[in-house]
Amino acid sequence: MKTEIYQIDEVNPQSFYIKLASDVITGGGTVAFPTETVYGIGANALDYKAVKKIYEAKGRHSDNPLIVHIHEASQLKKIAVSIPPISEPLIRKFWPGPITLIFKKSHAVPDATSGGLDTVAIRMPRSNISLALIKESGCPIAAPSANISGKPSPTSADHVIKDLDGKVNMILDGGNTEIGIESTVIDLTEQIPVLLRPGAVTLEAIQNTIGEVNIDPSILGNYSELSQKSPGMKYNHYSPNAQLILVEGSESNKRKKIGELVEKLIIKNKKVGVMTTDKSFQCNAHLIKFMGSNYESIARDLFGNLRFADYYGVDTIIVEGIDDKEMGLAIMNRLRKAADIKVVT
């Protein structure tokens, strides 16, 4: 398959490229495109055969549900049933934006899209490119992250090209994504809403909007085979090619332990990379990447830094953990799922 690649303006998406991409979608093909979170690989969410192409391109397990993207709230009634009143304040406050809501699905949604579940995950992105493509296509678009399944999510078209060139019909290059990690996911099919995946819309912001919210145990590292309503809950995700060691604890203890681990690995002739929040951190690692000074910058560059370390050819990446409050919960959720080894000092 030849993949067509077009550069497109996020602020004012060129209608010509949007029309080309929408023709691919309506024709049963796949298009990788930017959202405000990460790049997605999209297909007509209501077309069983088109959705299967997403799984094939990514190498994704068929029981791993996809998020369905819409461009206006009126589309909800076509793909979801039993829409609870508690969804209304969330939709008013956070859509368009990086939050996905889970409802009972309608008969219009094929099992391929929902991973065989009776629920459907729905989001209205705020990216101008995303919204224009969904509107022009005239159908909801199923779009998981546009990467090889299990690897770090793509935050630039270059990441998508590396993973999926020759596996999708088209890539829309809209530059780097704004947020850098996937959307928050809230299950609204339970009596008390459940946070299934943290993201840029924080748990605190959701609680301030609707009150009580339960947290799925998998977010804190207690993985359950029963927790499958959201993408990324059952299988390993976000993992670089290199071994990833996550170090948590107090600042002084973390950095001391990182230095010790670097020395041990170098003795074993390993090429080592370190990701830290300390600009002045020094050690004998082959690569030291500054992760950022706040949650937003750390999140925006997280997957890019993991991919860069792989590009640099390190054998092991040692990552300094951060506080898991506010958006830090989402960052640590990704790192804990990606980690081969977790060290708590």
Protein backbone atom coordinates (compact mmCIF):
# COMPACT_ATOMS: atom_id res chain seq x y z
CA MET A 1 0.00 0.00 0.00
CA LYS A 2 1.26 3.48 -0.88
CA THR A 3 0.63 6.03 1.87
CA GLU A 4 -0.16 9.55 0.69
CA ILE A 5 1.21 12.24 3.04
CA TYR A 6 -0.05 15.84 3.08
CA GLN A 7 0.93 18.79 5.25
CA ILE A 8 -2.14 20.54 6.60
CA ASP A 9 -2.68 23.67 8.69
CA GLU A 10 -4.20 23.03 12.14
CA VAL A 11 -5.49 26.60 12.47
CA ASN A 12 -7.15 26.73 9.04
CA PRO A 13 -7.24 23.21 7.55
CA GLN A 14 -7.16 23.34 3.76
CA SER A 15 -10.52 22.11 2.46
CA PHE A 16 -8.83 20.32 -0.46
CA TYR A 17 -6.87 17.99 1.85
CA ILE A 18 -9.86 17.51 4.15
CA LYS A 19 -11.93 16.42 1.13
CA LEU A 20 -9.22 13.99 -0.02
CA ALA A 21 -9.05 12.46 3.46
CA SER A 22 -12.83 12.27 3.86
CA ASP A 23 -13.08 10.45 0.52
CA VAL A 24 -10.69 7.83 1.92
CA ILE A 25 -12.82 7.48 5.06
CA THR A 26 -16.11 7.17 3.20
CA GLY A 27 -14.47 4.74 0.78
CA GLY A 28 -13.63 2.35 3.62
CA GLY A 29 -9.97 3.33 3.99
CA THR A 30 -7.77 4.59 6.83
CA VAL A 31 -6.38 8.06 7.53
CA ALA A 32 -3.90 9.04 10.24
CA PHE A 33 -4.59 12.55 11.51
CA PRO A 34 -3.69 14.80 14.47
CA THR A 35 -5.93 15.46 17.42
CA GLU A 36 -5.05 17.75 20.31
CA THR A 37 -3.89 14.68 22.31
CA VAL A 38 -1.97 12.35 19.94
CA TYR A 39 -2.26 11.30 16.31
CA GLY A 40 -5.02 8.81 15.56
CA ILE A 41 -5.57 6.24 12.81
CA GLY A 42 -9.15 6.73 11.67
CA ALA A 43 -11.80 4.80 9.79
CA ASN A 44 -15.60 4.92 9.52
CA ALA A 45 -16.68 3.76 12.99
CA LEU A 46 -19.87 2.21 11.62
CA ASP A 47 -18.14 0.20 8.87
CA TYR A 48 -17.04 -3.18 10.22
CA LYS A 49 -14.61 -3.89 7.37
CA ALA A 50 -13.01 -0.43 7.59
CA VAL A 51 -12.52 -0.74 11.35
CA LYS A 52 -10.83 -4.11 10.92
CA LYS A 53 -8.17 -2.33 8.84
CA ILE A 54 -7.23 -0.26 11.91
CA TYR A 55 -6.52 -3.41 13.90
CA GLU A 56 -4.50 -4.89 11.03
CA ALA A 57 -2.39 -1.75 10.56
CA LYS A 58 -1.59 -1.43 14.26
CA GLY A 59 -1.27 -5.12 15.07
CA ARG A 60 -3.91 -4.51 17.73
CA HIS A 61 -5.89 -7.17 19.59
CA SER A 62 -9.49 -7.28 18.37
CA ASP A 63 -10.90 -7.18 21.92
CA ASN A 64 -9.26 -3.82 22.62
CA PRO A 65 -12.04 -1.20 22.12
CA LEU A 66 -11.63 1.91 19.97
CA ILE A 67 -12.64 5.48 20.73
CA VAL A 68 -15.27 6.93 18.41
CA HIS A 69 -14.78 10.59 17.47
CA ILE A 70 -17.70 12.90 16.68
CA HIS A 71 -17.91 16.57 15.65
CA GLU A 72 -21.14 17.57 17.40
CA ALA A 73 -23.13 16.31 20.38
CA SER A 74 -26.17 15.49 18.25
CA GLN A 75 -24.27 12.48 16.87
CA LEU A 76 -24.40 10.85 20.30
CA LYS A 77 -27.93 9.56 19.86
CA LYS A 78 -26.94 7.61 16.74
CA ILE A 79 -24.25 5.59 18.48
CA ALA A 80 -25.15 5.60 22.19
CA VAL A 81 -28.26 4.68 24.20
CA SER A 82 -29.24 5.31 27.82
CA ILE A 83 -27.36 8.61 27.94
CA PRO A 84 -27.37 9.55 31.64
CA PRO A 85 -28.06 13.12 32.82
CA ILE A 86 -24.66 13.21 34.54
CA SER A 87 -23.04 13.34 31.09
CA GLU A 88 -24.54 16.77 30.38
CA PRO A 89 -22.26 18.89 32.61
CA LEU A 90 -19.20 16.98 31.36
CA ILE A 91 -20.17 17.57 27.74
CA ARG A 92 -20.90 21.26 28.36
CA LYS A 93 -17.62 21.88 30.14
CA PHE A 94 -15.12 19.62 28.39
CA TRP A 95 -16.32 19.01 24.81
CA PRO A 96 -14.72 19.65 22.43
CA GLY A 97 -11.68 18.47 24.35
CA PRO A 98 -9.52 15.63 25.64
CA ILE A 99 -12.14 13.58 27.50
CA THR A 100 -13.82 10.35 26.40
CA LEU A 101 -17.17 9.25 27.82
CA ILE A 102 -18.38 5.65 27.84
CA PHE A 103 -22.06 4.85 27.19
CA LYS A 104 -24.11 1.81 26.30
CA LYS A 105 -23.81 1.45 22.53
CA SER A 106 -26.54 1.46 19.91
CA HIS A 107 -27.01 -1.29 17.33
CA ALA A 108 -25.33 0.96 14.77
CA VAL A 109 -21.92 0.37 16.37
CA PRO A 110 -20.29 -2.88 15.19
CA ASP A 111 -18.55 -5.19 17.64
CA ALA A 112 -15.26 -4.49 15.86
CA THR A 113 -15.44 -0.88 17.05
CA SER A 114 -16.42 -1.68 20.64
CA GLY A 115 -14.04 -4.62 21.06
CA GLY A 116 -17.03 -6.94 21.46
CA LEU A 117 -18.42 -4.94 24.40
CA ASP A 118 -21.93 -3.54 24.79
CA THR A 119 -20.45 -0.11 25.48
CA VAL A 120 -18.90 2.54 23.27
CA ALA A 121 -16.24 5.16 24.06
CA ILE A 122 -17.01 8.57 22.51
CA ARG A 123 -15.02 11.80 22.27
CA MET A 124 -15.37 15.16 20.56
CA PRO A 125 -11.83 16.40 19.84
CA ARG A 126 -11.04 20.10 19.72
CA SER A 127 -8.45 19.90 16.94
CA ASN A 128 -9.65 21.85 13.90
CA ILE A 129 -8.29 19.19 11.57
CA SER A 130 -10.11 16.42 13.44
CA LEU A 131 -13.42 18.25 13.57
CA ALA A 132 -13.27 19.22 9.89
CA LEU A 133 -12.46 15.65 8.84
CA ILE A 134 -15.28 14.12 10.89
CA LYS A 135 -17.80 16.68 9.62
CA GLU A 136 -16.77 16.30 5.97
CA SER A 137 -16.82 12.50 6.21
CA GLY A 138 -20.41 12.52 7.46
CA CYS A 139 -19.81 9.69 9.90
CA PRO A 140 -18.26 9.13 13.32
CA ILE A 141 -14.61 8.12 13.06
CA ALA A 142 -13.03 5.36 15.16
CA ALA A 143 -9.45 6.40 15.88
CA PRO A 144 -6.98 4.82 18.30
CA SER A 145 -3.44 6.17 18.48
CA ALA A 146 -1.61 5.92 15.14
CA ASN A 147 1.27 3.72 16.27
CA ILE A 148 2.25 0.08 16.32
CA SER A 149 0.23 -1.42 19.16
CA GLY A 150 2.04 -1.31 22.49
CA LYS A 151 4.62 1.30 21.46
CA PRO A 152 4.76 4.98 22.50
CA SER A 153 1.88 6.98 21.07
CA PRO A 154 2.71 9.37 18.19
CA THR A 155 2.78 13.10 18.78
CA SER A 156 4.12 14.08 15.35
CA ALA A 157 3.59 12.93 11.78
CA ASP A 158 7.19 11.66 11.74
CA HIS A 159 6.28 9.18 14.49
CA VAL A 160 3.29 8.01 12.45
CA ILE A 161 5.35 7.66 9.29
CA LYS A 162 7.93 5.56 11.13
CA ASP A 163 5.27 3.17 12.42
CA LEU A 164 2.59 3.09 9.74
CA ASP A 165 4.00 4.16 6.37
CA GLY A 166 2.67 1.64 3.88
CA LYS A 167 -0.01 0.45 6.32
CA VAL A 168 -2.53 3.31 6.01
CA ASN A 169 -3.96 5.07 2.98
CA MET A 170 -3.18 8.63 4.06
CA ILE A 171 -1.39 10.68 6.72
CA LEU A 172 -2.35 14.29 7.43
CA ASP A 173 0.70 16.08 8.85
CA GLY A 174 -0.57 18.83 11.16
CA GLY A 175 2.63 19.28 13.15
CA ASN A 176 3.20 18.36 16.78
CA THR A 177 0.18 17.67 18.97
CA GLU A 178 -0.76 20.10 21.74
CA ILE A 179 -1.18 17.81 24.78
CA GLY A 180 0.92 14.73 24.06
CA ILE A 181 -0.98 12.05 25.99
CA GLU A 182 -4.28 10.37 25.24
CA SER A 183 -7.67 11.55 26.48
CA THR A 184 -9.15 11.04 29.92
CA VAL A 185 -11.72 8.20 29.91
CA ILE A 186 -14.78 8.17 32.20
CA ASP A 187 -17.24 5.25 32.35
CA LEU A 188 -20.78 6.59 32.72
CA THR A 189 -22.51 3.20 32.63
CA GLU A 190 -21.99 2.61 36.36
CA GLN A 191 -24.08 4.15 39.15
CA ILE A 192 -21.02 6.16 40.21
CA PRO A 193 -18.83 7.28 37.26
CA VAL A 194 -15.46 5.52 37.05
CA LEU A 195 -12.17 7.01 35.90
CA LEU A 196 -10.68 4.38 33.57
CA ARG A 197 -7.80 6.39 32.15
CA PRO A 198 -6.41 9.71 33.43
CA GLY A 199 -5.54 12.47 30.99
CA ALA A 200 -5.34 16.23 30.58
CA VAL A 201 -8.84 16.64 32.02
CA THR A 202 -7.86 15.80 35.58
CA LEU A 203 -9.69 13.76 38.19
CA GLU A 204 -9.95 16.91 40.30
CA ALA A 205 -11.61 18.84 37.46
CA ILE A 206 -14.12 16.03 36.89
CA GLN A 207 -14.95 15.78 40.61
CA ASN A 208 -15.48 19.54 40.72
CA THR A 209 -17.96 19.16 37.86
CA ILE A 210 -20.01 16.07 38.79
CA GLY A 211 -19.02 15.11 42.33
CA GLU A 212 -18.08 11.57 43.34
CA VAL A 213 -15.92 9.56 40.91
CA ASN A 214 -14.46 6.11 41.51
CA ILE A 215 -10.97 5.25 40.27
CA ASP A 216 -10.38 1.96 38.48
CA PRO A 217 -7.70 -0.04 40.35
CA SER A 218 -5.67 -0.45 37.16
CA ILE A 219 -4.76 3.26 37.24
CA LEU A 220 -2.85 2.70 40.46
CA GLY A 221 -1.14 -0.41 39.12
CA ASN A 222 -3.60 -3.08 40.29
CA TYR A 223 -4.36 -4.47 36.84
CA SER A 224 -7.60 -6.39 36.41
CA GLU A 225 -8.57 -8.61 33.52
CA LEU A 226 -12.14 -7.35 34.05
CA SER A 227 -11.20 -3.74 33.27
CA GLN A 228 -11.47 -3.59 29.48
CA LYS A 229 -13.98 -0.83 28.73
CA SER A 230 -11.23 1.63 27.84
CA PRO A 231 -8.34 1.30 25.39
CA GLY A 232 -5.07 0.45 27.09
CA MET A 233 -6.44 -1.35 30.15
CA LYS A 234 -5.74 -4.97 29.23
CA TYR A 235 -2.51 -4.96 27.23
CA ASN A 236 0.94 -3.40 27.60
CA HIS A 237 1.16 0.11 26.21
CA TYR A 238 3.56 2.97 25.58
CA SER A 239 6.67 0.74 25.74
CA PRO A 240 9.88 1.83 23.98
CA ASN A 241 12.20 -0.74 22.43
CA ALA A 242 14.69 -0.22 25.25
CA GLN A 243 14.18 -1.59 28.74
CA LEU A 244 12.45 1.06 30.87
CA ILE A 245 13.21 1.43 34.58
CA LEU A 246 10.91 3.77 36.50
CA VAL A 247 12.31 5.19 39.75
CA GLU A 248 9.91 6.70 42.30
CA GLY A 249 10.44 8.26 45.75
CA SER A 250 11.78 11.50 47.24
CA GLU A 251 13.84 13.73 44.93
CA SER A 252 17.16 13.05 46.63
CA ASN A 253 16.57 9.30 46.89
CA LYS A 254 15.37 9.02 43.29
CA ARG A 255 18.37 10.78 41.81
CA LYS A 256 20.84 8.88 44.00
CA LYS A 257 19.26 5.59 42.90
CA ILE A 258 19.33 6.65 39.24
CA GLY A 259 23.05 7.37 39.51
CA GLU A 260 23.64 3.95 41.10
CA LEU A 261 21.64 2.17 38.41
CA VAL A 262 23.53 3.97 35.65
CA GLU A 263 26.88 2.84 37.06
CA LYS A 264 25.74 -0.78 37.39
CA LEU A 265 24.45 -0.86 33.82
CA ILE A 266 27.56 0.80 32.36
CA ILE A 267 29.72 -1.87 34.01
CA LYS A 268 27.62 -4.38 32.05
CA ASN A 269 28.45 -2.45 28.83
CA LYS A 270 24.89 -1.16 28.48
CA LYS A 271 24.11 2.10 26.70
CA VAL A 272 21.97 4.05 29.17
CA GLY A 273 19.58 6.98 28.83
CA VAL A 274 18.08 9.01 31.68
CA MET A 275 14.91 11.12 31.69
CA THR A 276 14.77 13.59 34.59
CA THR A 277 13.00 16.73 35.80
CA ASP A 278 16.31 18.18 37.05
CA LYS A 279 18.01 20.35 34.40
CA SER A 280 21.30 20.20 36.27
CA PHE A 281 21.33 16.44 36.88
CA GLN A 282 24.68 14.87 36.04
CA CYS A 283 25.69 11.22 35.77
CA ASN A 284 27.63 8.95 33.41
CA ALA A 285 24.62 8.08 31.25
CA HIS A 286 25.12 8.19 27.48
CA LEU A 287 21.98 10.35 27.11
CA ILE A 288 20.28 12.69 29.60
CA LYS A 289 16.93 14.20 28.60
CA PHE A 290 15.27 16.99 30.56
CA MET A 291 11.59 15.99 30.79
CA GLY A 292 10.18 19.45 31.54
CA SER A 293 9.48 21.73 34.46
CA ASN A 294 5.69 21.26 34.75
CA TYR A 295 3.04 18.63 34.07
CA GLU A 296 2.03 20.13 30.72
CA SER A 297 5.55 20.16 29.26
CA ILE A 298 6.37 16.70 30.62
CA ALA A 299 3.18 15.28 29.07
CA ARG A 300 3.69 17.04 25.73
CA ASP A 301 7.17 15.58 25.24
CA LEU A 302 6.80 12.26 27.09
CA PHE A 303 6.31 9.91 24.14
CA GLY A 304 8.64 11.92 21.94
CA ASN A 305 11.40 11.56 24.54
CA LEU A 306 10.87 7.80 24.75
CA ARG A 307 11.02 7.54 20.97
CA PHE A 308 14.13 9.76 20.87
CA ALA A 309 15.91 7.48 23.35
CA ASP A 310 15.12 4.52 21.09
CA TYR A 311 16.40 6.48 18.08
CA TYR A 312 19.59 7.17 20.04
CA GLY A 313 19.99 3.42 20.47
CA VAL A 314 20.10 3.10 24.25
CA ASP A 315 19.62 -0.33 25.85
CA THR A 316 17.96 0.99 29.01
CA ILE A 317 15.98 4.16 29.76
CA ILE A 318 15.83 5.19 33.42
CA VAL A 319 12.94 7.58 34.08
CA GLU A 320 12.49 9.73 37.16
CA GLY A 321 8.94 9.43 38.48
CA ILE A 322 6.87 12.49 39.44
CA ASP A 323 4.03 13.22 41.85
CA ASP A 324 0.86 11.48 40.68
CA LYS A 325 -1.55 14.34 41.39
CA GLU A 326 -3.49 16.45 38.89
CA MET A 327 -2.04 15.77 35.40
CA GLY A 328 0.84 13.89 37.02
CA LEU A 329 -1.57 10.99 37.54
CA ALA A 330 -1.90 10.61 33.76
CA ILE A 331 1.85 10.84 33.19
CA MET A 332 2.64 8.26 35.86
CA ASN A 333 -0.13 5.99 34.55
CA ARG A 334 1.64 5.88 31.17
CA LEU A 335 5.08 5.38 32.71
CA ARG A 336 3.95 2.60 35.03
CA LYS A 337 2.35 0.75 32.12
CA ALA A 338 5.48 1.21 30.01
CA ALA A 339 7.95 0.22 32.72
CA ASP A 340 9.71 -3.15 32.68
CA ILE A 341 11.08 -2.53 36.18
CA LYS A 342 9.66 -0.27 38.91
CA VAL A 343 11.94 0.92 41.73
CA VAL A 344 10.57 2.73 44.79
CA THR A 345 13.24 4.37 46.95
